């Protein structure tokens, strides 16, 4: 089966003059797709955050390619060089140190420049720390809001968190180990003691830890073992609870939609409009429909 899958990767077209935005593992070196490996073997060069890290990664797969440093300090400059090479007919892969480029990592400016120049950008999906953590969080909400890294200064961080308190979506944050205690304390102060927090550290790595608890318990859990404060973190915060005003607004939206749509369609569209759970809105739409029919 594996040789057949590898053969299938070669059957797909991989056009020249194209930037391949390629996800790499966030820890476990086995978490890379066969298609990604095939493209890495085809490209003329790899643009990457840290040439040493990427050289080591390629070596693990038995690959060697010319590397272009493409980090936050030279992104505009290297974008122009990449565009010139693409216009000359080359294929170039864009990777970050780990995960999917341009998601809280360099890459967005490069992709923007490539597209503006009329060249193609093709994604090769794969590992993402945010999605990995969300998938095992058990936090029940149809929407999430990616925050990334919070500001390092306390006042700026407080301003950002204040603007997120009432957001009806699971919040996704990244944090470095040296700031994890400070950040969790700030989250506790901003969101209160009862919201659920998920602390996901070292995802896919040897010492992977995923812990969910109320915010009131998070600092104590981190303090119990210094190892719990090490590694790169994904932090998830439970969505804001529904307010009474939200219920009244959802009823208003549902009643308008039900005049033209089925219960299922009305609930799905109302979920997009209000940010509330689709299943709950379906049940409410059904009740409203039945009430209108005198049932």
C-alpha atoms as a PDB file:
ATOM      1  CA  UNK A   1       0.000   0.000   0.000  1.00  0.00           C
ATOM      2  CA  UNK A   2       2.764   2.488   0.901  1.00  0.00           C
ATOM      3  CA  UNK A   3       4.556   2.222  -2.499  1.00  0.00           C
ATOM      4  CA  UNK A   4       1.195   2.790  -4.209  1.00  0.00           C
ATOM      5  CA  UNK A   5       0.576   5.943  -2.165  1.00  0.00           C
ATOM      6  CA  UNK A   6       4.059   7.227  -2.907  1.00  0.00           C
ATOM      7  CA  UNK A   7       3.438   6.616  -6.604  1.00  0.00           C
ATOM      8  CA  UNK A   8       0.205   8.604  -6.381  1.00  0.00           C
ATOM      9  CA  UNK A   9       2.054  11.639  -5.055  1.00  0.00           C
ATOM     10  CA  UNK A  10       4.132  11.698  -8.235  1.00  0.00           C
ATOM     11  CA  UNK A  11       1.060  11.562 -10.462  1.00  0.00           C
ATOM     12  CA  UNK A  12      -0.193  14.968  -9.311  1.00  0.00           C
ATOM     13  CA  UNK A  13       0.987  18.046 -11.191  1.00  0.00           C
ATOM     14  CA  UNK A  14       3.537  20.217  -9.386  1.00  0.00           C
ATOM     15  CA  UNK A  15       3.864  23.279 -11.616  1.00  0.00           C
ATOM     16  CA  UNK A  16       6.983  25.381 -11.906  1.00  0.00           C
ATOM     17  CA  UNK A  17       7.011  29.068 -10.934  1.00  0.00           C
ATOM     18  CA  UNK A  18       5.130  28.068  -7.773  1.00  0.00           C
ATOM     19  CA  UNK A  19       5.620  28.617  -4.054  1.00  0.00           C
ATOM     20  CA  UNK A  20       4.734  25.504  -2.053  1.00  0.00           C
ATOM     21  CA  UNK A  21       3.609  26.518   1.452  1.00  0.00           C
ATOM     22  CA  UNK A  22       4.480  23.369   3.324  1.00  0.00           C
ATOM     23  CA  UNK A  23       3.632  22.325   6.876  1.00  0.00           C
ATOM     24  CA  UNK A  24       6.336  20.505   8.830  1.00  0.00           C
ATOM     25  CA  UNK A  25       6.039  18.521  12.095  1.00  0.00           C
ATOM     26  CA  UNK A  26       5.549  20.420  15.356  1.00  0.00           C
ATOM     27  CA  UNK A  27       7.566  17.800  17.234  1.00  0.00           C
ATOM     28  CA  UNK A  28       7.295  14.222  16.059  1.00  0.00           C
ATOM     29  CA  UNK A  29       9.342  13.882  12.886  1.00  0.00           C
ATOM     30  CA  UNK A  30       6.925  11.217  11.593  1.00  0.00           C
ATOM     31  CA  UNK A  31       4.086  13.749  11.336  1.00  0.00           C
ATOM     32  CA  UNK A  32       4.803  14.769   7.757  1.00  0.00           C
ATOM     33  CA  UNK A  33       2.797  13.804   4.694  1.00  0.00           C
ATOM     34  CA  UNK A  34       4.064  11.701   1.814  1.00  0.00           C
ATOM     35  CA  UNK A  35       3.069  14.526  -0.505  1.00  0.00           C
ATOM     36  CA  UNK A  36       5.163  17.006   1.475  1.00  0.00           C
ATOM     37  CA  UNK A  37       8.196  14.729   1.241  1.00  0.00           C
ATOM     38  CA  UNK A  38       7.700  14.362  -2.512  1.00  0.00           C
ATOM     39  CA  UNK A  39       7.493  18.142  -2.994  1.00  0.00           C
ATOM     40  CA  UNK A  40      10.582  18.694  -0.848  1.00  0.00           C
ATOM     41  CA  UNK A  41      12.429  16.314  -3.152  1.00  0.00           C
ATOM     42  CA  UNK A  42      11.266  18.307  -6.216  1.00  0.00           C
ATOM     43  CA  UNK A  43      11.811  21.929  -5.251  1.00  0.00           C
ATOM     44  CA  UNK A  44      14.831  23.973  -6.254  1.00  0.00           C
ATOM     45  CA  UNK A  45      15.179  25.563  -2.819  1.00  0.00           C
ATOM     46  CA  UNK A  46      13.535  25.777   0.599  1.00  0.00           C
ATOM     47  CA  UNK A  47      12.810  29.126   2.275  1.00  0.00           C
ATOM     48  CA  UNK A  48      12.882  28.660   6.054  1.00  0.00           C
ATOM     49  CA  UNK A  49      13.032  30.458   9.399  1.00  0.00           C
ATOM     50  CA  UNK A  50      16.256  28.874  10.620  1.00  0.00           C
ATOM     51  CA  UNK A  51      18.507  27.176   8.078  1.00  0.00           C
ATOM     52  CA  UNK A  52      20.095  24.994  10.763  1.00  0.00           C
ATOM     53  CA  UNK A  53      16.778  23.605  11.960  1.00  0.00           C
ATOM     54  CA  UNK A  54      15.515  22.953   8.446  1.00  0.00           C
ATOM     55  CA  UNK A  55      18.806  21.387   7.321  1.00  0.00           C
ATOM     56  CA  UNK A  56      18.557  18.992  10.263  1.00  0.00           C
ATOM     57  CA  UNK A  57      14.918  18.173   9.431  1.00  0.00           C
ATOM     58  CA  UNK A  58      15.661  17.513   5.759  1.00  0.00           C
ATOM     59  CA  UNK A  59      18.585  15.339   6.743  1.00  0.00           C
ATOM     60  CA  UNK A  60      16.231  13.177   8.841  1.00  0.00           C
ATOM     61  CA  UNK A  61      14.323  12.432   5.635  1.00  0.00           C
ATOM     62  CA  UNK A  62      17.453  11.864   3.570  1.00  0.00           C
ATOM     63  CA  UNK A  63      17.035  15.141   1.672  1.00  0.00           C
ATOM     64  CA  UNK A  64      19.375  18.038   0.938  1.00  0.00           C
ATOM     65  CA  UNK A  65      18.302  21.293  -0.697  1.00  0.00           C
ATOM     66  CA  UNK A  66      19.631  24.861  -0.990  1.00  0.00           C
ATOM     67  CA  UNK A  67      18.175  26.893   1.880  1.00  0.00           C
ATOM     68  CA  UNK A  68      17.055  30.531   1.958  1.00  0.00           C
ATOM     69  CA  UNK A  69      16.771  32.248   5.333  1.00  0.00           C
ATOM     70  CA  UNK A  70      13.263  33.731   5.533  1.00  0.00           C
ATOM     71  CA  UNK A  71      12.544  35.079   9.003  1.00  0.00           C
ATOM     72  CA  UNK A  72      10.667  38.010  10.499  1.00  0.00           C
ATOM     73  CA  UNK A  73      13.628  40.381  10.119  1.00  0.00           C
ATOM     74  CA  UNK A  74      14.207  39.871   6.380  1.00  0.00           C
ATOM     75  CA  UNK A  75      10.797  38.800   5.084  1.00  0.00           C
ATOM     76  CA  UNK A  76      10.300  41.704   2.687  1.00  0.00           C
ATOM     77  CA  UNK A  77      13.806  41.396   1.266  1.00  0.00           C
ATOM     78  CA  UNK A  78      13.684  37.630   0.782  1.00  0.00           C
ATOM     79  CA  UNK A  79      10.189  37.868  -0.721  1.00  0.00           C
ATOM     80  CA  UNK A  80      11.597  39.839  -3.641  1.00  0.00           C
ATOM     81  CA  UNK A  81      14.323  37.237  -4.174  1.00  0.00           C
ATOM     82  CA  UNK A  82      11.802  34.399  -4.068  1.00  0.00           C
ATOM     83  CA  UNK A  83       9.542  36.152  -6.574  1.00  0.00           C
ATOM     84  CA  UNK A  84      12.482  36.595  -8.969  1.00  0.00           C
ATOM     85  CA  UNK A  85      13.353  32.920  -8.718  1.00  0.00           C
ATOM     86  CA  UNK A  86       9.762  31.852  -9.256  1.00  0.00           C
ATOM     87  CA  UNK A  87       9.505  34.088 -12.297  1.00  0.00           C
ATOM     88  CA  UNK A  88      12.588  32.312 -13.628  1.00  0.00           C
ATOM     89  CA  UNK A  89      10.664  29.029 -13.463  1.00  0.00           C
ATOM     90  CA  UNK A  90      11.798  27.566 -10.153  1.00  0.00           C
ATOM     91  CA  UNK A  91       9.779  25.728  -7.522  1.00  0.00           C
ATOM     92  CA  UNK A  92      10.368  26.881  -3.943  1.00  0.00           C
ATOM     93  CA  UNK A  93       9.028  25.440  -0.704  1.00  0.00           C
ATOM     94  CA  UNK A  94       8.225  27.751   2.205  1.00  0.00           C
ATOM     95  CA  UNK A  95       8.449  26.207   5.685  1.00  0.00           C
ATOM     96  CA  UNK A  96       8.570  27.462   9.264  1.00  0.00           C
ATOM     97  CA  UNK A  97      10.571  25.907  12.081  1.00  0.00           C
ATOM     98  CA  UNK A  98       7.514  23.855  13.034  1.00  0.00           C
ATOM     99  CA  UNK A  99       3.918  23.636  11.891  1.00  0.00           C
ATOM    100  CA  UNK A 100       2.180  25.666   9.206  1.00  0.00           C
ATOM    101  CA  UNK A 101       3.911  28.790   7.838  1.00  0.00           C
ATOM    102  CA  UNK A 102       2.245  32.193   8.200  1.00  0.00           C
ATOM    103  CA  UNK A 103       0.234  31.121  11.278  1.00  0.00           C
ATOM    104  CA  UNK A 104       1.918  33.090  14.064  1.00  0.00           C
ATOM    105  CA  UNK A 105       5.115  32.461  12.082  1.00  0.00           C
ATOM    106  CA  UNK A 106       6.787  34.287   9.177  1.00  0.00           C
ATOM    107  CA  UNK A 107       5.451  33.655   5.687  1.00  0.00           C
ATOM    108  CA  UNK A 108       2.386  35.813   5.119  1.00  0.00           C
ATOM    109  CA  UNK A 109       4.375  38.680   3.540  1.00  0.00           C
ATOM    110  CA  UNK A 110       6.144  36.238   1.245  1.00  0.00           C
ATOM    111  CA  UNK A 111       2.895  34.651   0.094  1.00  0.00           C
ATOM    112  CA  UNK A 112       1.380  38.113  -0.437  1.00  0.00           C
ATOM    113  CA  UNK A 113       4.332  39.210  -2.580  1.00  0.00           C
ATOM    114  CA  UNK A 114       4.205  35.996  -4.610  1.00  0.00           C
ATOM    115  CA  UNK A 115       0.502  36.373  -5.353  1.00  0.00           C
ATOM    116  CA  UNK A 116       0.835  40.059  -6.215  1.00  0.00           C
ATOM    117  CA  UNK A 117       3.574  39.129  -8.684  1.00  0.00           C
ATOM    118  CA  UNK A 118       1.168  36.779 -10.452  1.00  0.00           C
ATOM    119  CA  UNK A 119       2.819  33.551  -9.319  1.00  0.00           C
ATOM    120  CA  UNK A 120       1.036  30.636  -7.689  1.00  0.00           C
ATOM    121  CA  UNK A 121       1.075  29.543  -4.050  1.00  0.00           C
ATOM    122  CA  UNK A 122      -0.031  25.975  -3.313  1.00  0.00           C
ATOM    123  CA  UNK A 123      -0.632  24.758   0.250  1.00  0.00           C
ATOM    124  CA  UNK A 124       0.542  21.390   1.524  1.00  0.00           C
ATOM    125  CA  UNK A 125      -1.438  20.922   4.746  1.00  0.00           C
ATOM    126  CA  UNK A 126      -0.119  19.261   7.828  1.00  0.00           C
ATOM    127  CA  UNK A 127       0.682  19.864  11.473  1.00  0.00           C
ATOM    128  CA  UNK A 128      -0.704  22.887  13.318  1.00  0.00           C
ATOM    129  CA  UNK A 129      -0.296  23.320  17.067  1.00  0.00           C
ATOM    130  CA  UNK A 130      -3.558  25.258  17.344  1.00  0.00           C
ATOM    131  CA  UNK A 131      -5.677  22.635  15.587  1.00  0.00           C
ATOM    132  CA  UNK A 132      -3.909  19.793  17.387  1.00  0.00           C
ATOM    133  CA  UNK A 133      -4.781  21.285  20.781  1.00  0.00           C
ATOM    134  CA  UNK A 134      -8.364  22.115  19.772  1.00  0.00           C
ATOM    135  CA  UNK A 135      -9.009  18.564  18.655  1.00  0.00           C
ATOM    136  CA  UNK A 136      -8.454  17.153  22.150  1.00  0.00           C
ATOM    137  CA  UNK A 137      -9.748  20.072  24.224  1.00  0.00           C
ATOM    138  CA  UNK A 138     -13.342  18.916  24.532  1.00  0.00           C
ATOM    139  CA  UNK A 139     -14.376  22.576  24.613  1.00  0.00           C
ATOM    140  CA  UNK A 140     -17.825  22.606  23.058  1.00  0.00           C
ATOM    141  CA  UNK A 141     -18.136  25.489  20.650  1.00  0.00           C
ATOM    142  CA  UNK A 142     -18.463  25.670  16.878  1.00  0.00           C
ATOM    143  CA  UNK A 143     -16.095  28.635  16.553  1.00  0.00           C
ATOM    144  CA  UNK A 144     -12.602  29.492  17.691  1.00  0.00           C
ATOM    145  CA  UNK A 145     -10.629  32.723  17.661  1.00  0.00           C
ATOM    146  CA  UNK A 146      -6.887  32.549  17.065  1.00  0.00           C
ATOM    147  CA  UNK A 147      -5.083  35.112  19.217  1.00  0.00           C
ATOM    148  CA  UNK A 148      -1.485  33.881  18.928  1.00  0.00           C
ATOM    149  CA  UNK A 149       1.009  35.467  21.322  1.00  0.00           C
ATOM    150  CA  UNK A 150      -0.278  38.118  23.717  1.00  0.00           C
ATOM    151  CA  UNK A 151       1.653  41.387  24.156  1.00  0.00           C
ATOM    152  CA  UNK A 152       4.493  41.095  26.651  1.00  0.00           C
ATOM    153  CA  UNK A 153       3.677  44.365  28.439  1.00  0.00           C
ATOM    154  CA  UNK A 154       1.056  44.011  31.173  1.00  0.00           C
ATOM    155  CA  UNK A 155      -1.092  47.003  30.222  1.00  0.00           C
ATOM    156  CA  UNK A 156      -1.239  46.063  26.535  1.00  0.00           C
ATOM    157  CA  UNK A 157      -2.009  42.448  27.442  1.00  0.00           C
ATOM    158  CA  UNK A 158      -4.819  43.579  29.741  1.00  0.00           C
ATOM    159  CA  UNK A 159      -6.332  45.679  26.945  1.00  0.00           C
ATOM    160  CA  UNK A 160      -6.302  42.732  24.533  1.00  0.00           C
ATOM    161  CA  UNK A 161      -7.832  40.347  27.072  1.00  0.00           C
ATOM    162  CA  UNK A 162     -10.557  42.818  28.008  1.00  0.00           C
ATOM    163  CA  UNK A 163     -11.613  42.884  24.367  1.00  0.00           C
ATOM    164  CA  UNK A 164     -11.854  39.076  24.319  1.00  0.00           C
ATOM    165  CA  UNK A 165     -13.793  38.460  27.535  1.00  0.00           C
ATOM    166  CA  UNK A 166     -17.250  38.321  25.945  1.00  0.00           C
ATOM    167  CA  UNK A 167     -16.247  36.629  22.704  1.00  0.00           C
ATOM    168  CA  UNK A 168     -18.481  33.632  21.945  1.00  0.00           C
ATOM    169  CA  UNK A 169     -15.641  31.466  20.651  1.00  0.00           C
ATOM    170  CA  UNK A 170     -12.901  29.263  22.067  1.00  0.00           C
ATOM    171  CA  UNK A 171      -9.748  31.362  22.364  1.00  0.00           C
ATOM    172  CA  UNK A 172      -6.452  29.939  21.096  1.00  0.00           C
ATOM    173  CA  UNK A 173      -3.198  31.435  22.371  1.00  0.00           C
ATOM    174  CA  UNK A 174       0.489  30.571  22.089  1.00  0.00           C
ATOM    175  CA  UNK A 175       2.941  31.167  24.909  1.00  0.00           C
ATOM    176  CA  UNK A 176       6.610  30.666  25.688  1.00  0.00           C
ATOM    177  CA  UNK A 177       7.709  28.864  28.871  1.00  0.00           C
ATOM    178  CA  UNK A 178       9.273  31.891  30.561  1.00  0.00           C
ATOM    179  CA  UNK A 179       5.933  33.762  30.458  1.00  0.00           C
ATOM    180  CA  UNK A 180       3.460  30.955  31.154  1.00  0.00           C
ATOM    181  CA  UNK A 181       2.874  31.732  34.862  1.00  0.00           C
ATOM    182  CA  UNK A 182       2.442  35.444  34.217  1.00  0.00           C
ATOM    183  CA  UNK A 183       0.072  34.814  31.325  1.00  0.00           C
ATOM    184  CA  UNK A 184      -2.094  32.308  33.202  1.00  0.00           C
ATOM    185  CA  UNK A 185      -2.410  34.751  36.107  1.00  0.00           C
ATOM    186  CA  UNK A 186      -3.482  37.476  33.673  1.00  0.00           C
ATOM    187  CA  UNK A 187      -6.046  35.134  32.103  1.00  0.00           C
ATOM    188  CA  UNK A 188      -7.434  34.282  35.537  1.00  0.00           C
ATOM    189  CA  UNK A 189      -7.790  37.953  36.372  1.00  0.00           C
ATOM    190  CA  UNK A 190      -9.439  38.792  33.038  1.00  0.00           C
ATOM    191  CA  UNK A 191     -11.792  35.822  32.624  1.00  0.00           C
ATOM    192  CA  UNK A 192     -12.526  34.852  36.227  1.00  0.00           C
ATOM    193  CA  UNK A 193     -12.158  31.551  38.092  1.00  0.00           C
ATOM    194  CA  UNK A 194     -14.752  29.317  36.421  1.00  0.00           C
ATOM    195  CA  UNK A 195     -13.811  29.385  32.735  1.00  0.00           C
ATOM    196  CA  UNK A 196     -12.110  26.207  31.553  1.00  0.00           C
ATOM    197  CA  UNK A 197      -8.504  26.453  30.398  1.00  0.00           C
ATOM    198  CA  UNK A 198      -6.541  23.855  28.454  1.00  0.00           C
ATOM    199  CA  UNK A 199      -2.760  23.913  28.813  1.00  0.00           C
ATOM    200  CA  UNK A 200      -1.151  21.914  25.997  1.00  0.00           C
ATOM    201  CA  UNK A 201       2.642  21.759  26.123  1.00  0.00           C
ATOM    202  CA  UNK A 202       5.221  20.006  23.963  1.00  0.00           C
ATOM    203  CA  UNK A 203       2.539  18.670  21.615  1.00  0.00           C
ATOM    204  CA  UNK A 204       3.534  15.434  19.780  1.00  0.00           C
ATOM    205  CA  UNK A 205       6.849  15.351  21.664  1.00  0.00           C
ATOM    206  CA  UNK A 206       8.172  12.954  24.292  1.00  0.00           C
ATOM    207  CA  UNK A 207       6.931  14.969  27.279  1.00  0.00           C
ATOM    208  CA  UNK A 208       3.595  16.062  25.774  1.00  0.00           C
ATOM    209  CA  UNK A 209       1.148  17.220  28.449  1.00  0.00           C
ATOM    210  CA  UNK A 210      -2.476  18.280  27.994  1.00  0.00           C
ATOM    211  CA  UNK A 211      -4.280  19.489  31.109  1.00  0.00           C
ATOM    212  CA  UNK A 212      -7.777  20.979  31.406  1.00  0.00           C
ATOM    213  CA  UNK A 213      -9.101  22.670  34.530  1.00  0.00           C
ATOM    214  CA  UNK A 214     -10.917  25.814  35.736  1.00  0.00           C
ATOM    215  CA  UNK A 215      -8.764  28.921  35.556  1.00  0.00           C
ATOM    216  CA  UNK A 216      -8.807  29.084  39.364  1.00  0.00           C
ATOM    217  CA  UNK A 217      -6.705  25.881  39.476  1.00  0.00           C
ATOM    218  CA  UNK A 218      -4.295  26.508  36.596  1.00  0.00           C
ATOM    219  CA  UNK A 219      -1.544  28.429  38.419  1.00  0.00           C
ATOM    220  CA  UNK A 220      -1.413  25.893  41.240  1.00  0.00           C
ATOM    221  CA  UNK A 221      -1.193  23.013  38.752  1.00  0.00           C
ATOM    222  CA  UNK A 222       1.743  24.662  36.988  1.00  0.00           C
ATOM    223  CA  UNK A 223       3.481  25.359  40.310  1.00  0.00           C
ATOM    224  CA  UNK A 224       3.233  21.729  41.487  1.00  0.00           C
ATOM    225  CA  UNK A 225       5.951  20.595  39.083  1.00  0.00           C
ATOM    226  CA  UNK A 226       8.582  22.849  37.460  1.00  0.00           C
ATOM    227  CA  UNK A 227       8.555  20.541  34.412  1.00  0.00           C
ATOM    228  CA  UNK A 228       4.996  21.642  33.710  1.00  0.00           C
ATOM    229  CA  UNK A 229       6.298  25.132  32.986  1.00  0.00           C
ATOM    230  CA  UNK A 230       8.748  24.039  30.290  1.00  0.00           C
ATOM    231  CA  UNK A 231       8.234  23.816  26.533  1.00  0.00           C
ATOM    232  CA  UNK A 232       6.084  25.651  24.031  1.00  0.00           C
ATOM    233  CA  UNK A 233       2.436  26.090  25.045  1.00  0.00           C
ATOM    234  CA  UNK A 234      -0.911  26.237  23.312  1.00  0.00           C
ATOM    235  CA  UNK A 235      -3.508  27.717  25.660  1.00  0.00           C
ATOM    236  CA  UNK A 236      -7.235  27.350  25.053  1.00  0.00           C
ATOM    237  CA  UNK A 237      -9.864  29.344  26.924  1.00  0.00           C
ATOM    238  CA  UNK A 238     -13.511  28.324  27.006  1.00  0.00           C
ATOM    239  CA  UNK A 239     -15.895  30.569  25.069  1.00  0.00           C
ATOM    240  CA  UNK A 240     -17.870  33.211  26.932  1.00  0.00           C
ATOM    241  CA  UNK A 241     -21.121  31.819  28.361  1.00  0.00           C
ATOM    242  CA  UNK A 242     -24.316  32.755  26.564  1.00  0.00           C
ATOM    243  CA  UNK A 243     -26.011  35.837  27.952  1.00  0.00           C
ATOM    244  CA  UNK A 244     -29.747  36.396  28.273  1.00  0.00           C
ATOM    245  CA  UNK A 245     -29.490  39.068  25.613  1.00  0.00           C
ATOM    246  CA  UNK A 246     -27.845  36.484  23.362  1.00  0.00           C
ATOM    247  CA  UNK A 247     -30.867  34.196  23.732  1.00  0.00           C
ATOM    248  CA  UNK A 248     -33.266  36.984  22.805  1.00  0.00           C
ATOM    249  CA  UNK A 249     -31.119  37.939  19.825  1.00  0.00           C
ATOM    250  CA  UNK A 250     -30.853  34.335  18.625  1.00  0.00           C
ATOM    251  CA  UNK A 251     -34.639  33.983  18.801  1.00  0.00           C
ATOM    252  CA  UNK A 252     -35.038  37.146  16.742  1.00  0.00           C
ATOM    253  CA  UNK A 253     -32.567  35.921  14.125  1.00  0.00           C
ATOM    254  CA  UNK A 254     -34.127  32.447  13.995  1.00  0.00           C
ATOM    255  CA  UNK A 255     -37.651  33.796  13.539  1.00  0.00           C
ATOM    256  CA  UNK A 256     -36.529  35.908  10.586  1.00  0.00           C
ATOM    257  CA  UNK A 257     -34.695  32.975   8.988  1.00  0.00           C
ATOM    258  CA  UNK A 258     -37.479  30.461   9.631  1.00  0.00           C
ATOM    259  CA  UNK A 259     -39.829  32.552   7.514  1.00  0.00           C
ATOM    260  CA  UNK A 260     -37.756  31.595   4.464  1.00  0.00           C
ATOM    261  CA  UNK A 261     -35.635  28.555   5.400  1.00  0.00           C
ATOM    262  CA  UNK A 262     -35.923  25.074   6.859  1.00  0.00           C
ATOM    263  CA  UNK A 263     -35.149  24.500  10.530  1.00  0.00           C
ATOM    264  CA  UNK A 264     -31.748  22.994   9.659  1.00  0.00           C
ATOM    265  CA  UNK A 265     -30.797  25.820   7.293  1.00  0.00           C
ATOM    266  CA  UNK A 266     -31.993  28.501   9.730  1.00  0.00           C
ATOM    267  CA  UNK A 267     -29.984  27.002  12.590  1.00  0.00           C
ATOM    268  CA  UNK A 268     -26.817  26.718  10.496  1.00  0.00           C
ATOM    269  CA  UNK A 269     -27.042  30.317   9.286  1.00  0.00           C
ATOM    270  CA  UNK A 270     -27.959  31.628  12.756  1.00  0.00           C
ATOM    271  CA  UNK A 271     -24.857  29.906  14.153  1.00  0.00           C
ATOM    272  CA  UNK A 272     -22.695  31.819  11.683  1.00  0.00           C
ATOM    273  CA  UNK A 273     -24.433  35.106  12.522  1.00  0.00           C
ATOM    274  CA  UNK A 274     -24.521  34.820  16.326  1.00  0.00           C
ATOM    275  CA  UNK A 275     -21.528  32.589  17.057  1.00  0.00           C
ATOM    276  CA  UNK A 276     -23.705  30.289  19.171  1.00  0.00           C
ATOM    277  CA  UNK A 277     -23.747  26.499  19.015  1.00  0.00           C
ATOM    278  CA  UNK A 278     -25.483  25.108  15.952  1.00  0.00           C
ATOM    279  CA  UNK A 279     -27.029  22.145  17.785  1.00  0.00           C
ATOM    280  CA  UNK A 280     -28.568  24.366  20.458  1.00  0.00           C
ATOM    281  CA  UNK A 281     -29.896  26.736  17.808  1.00  0.00           C
ATOM    282  CA  UNK A 282     -31.408  23.793  15.919  1.00  0.00           C
ATOM    283  CA  UNK A 283     -33.330  22.714  19.027  1.00  0.00           C
ATOM    284  CA  UNK A 284     -34.506  26.278  19.614  1.00  0.00           C
ATOM    285  CA  UNK A 285     -35.507  26.718  15.962  1.00  0.00           C
ATOM    286  CA  UNK A 286     -37.514  23.493  16.141  1.00  0.00           C
ATOM    287  CA  UNK A 287     -39.297  24.744  19.244  1.00  0.00           C
ATOM    288  CA  UNK A 288     -40.102  28.071  17.596  1.00  0.00           C
ATOM    289  CA  UNK A 289     -41.354  26.314  14.482  1.00  0.00           C
ATOM    290  CA  UNK A 290     -43.597  24.025  16.505  1.00  0.00           C
ATOM    291  CA  UNK A 291     -44.929  26.970  18.514  1.00  0.00           C
ATOM    292  CA  UNK A 292     -45.826  28.805  15.317  1.00  0.00           C
ATOM    293  CA  UNK A 293     -47.667  25.681  14.114  1.00  0.00           C
ATOM    294  CA  UNK A 294     -49.589  25.437  17.384  1.00  0.00           C
ATOM    295  CA  UNK A 295     -47.968  22.164  18.426  1.00  0.00           C
END
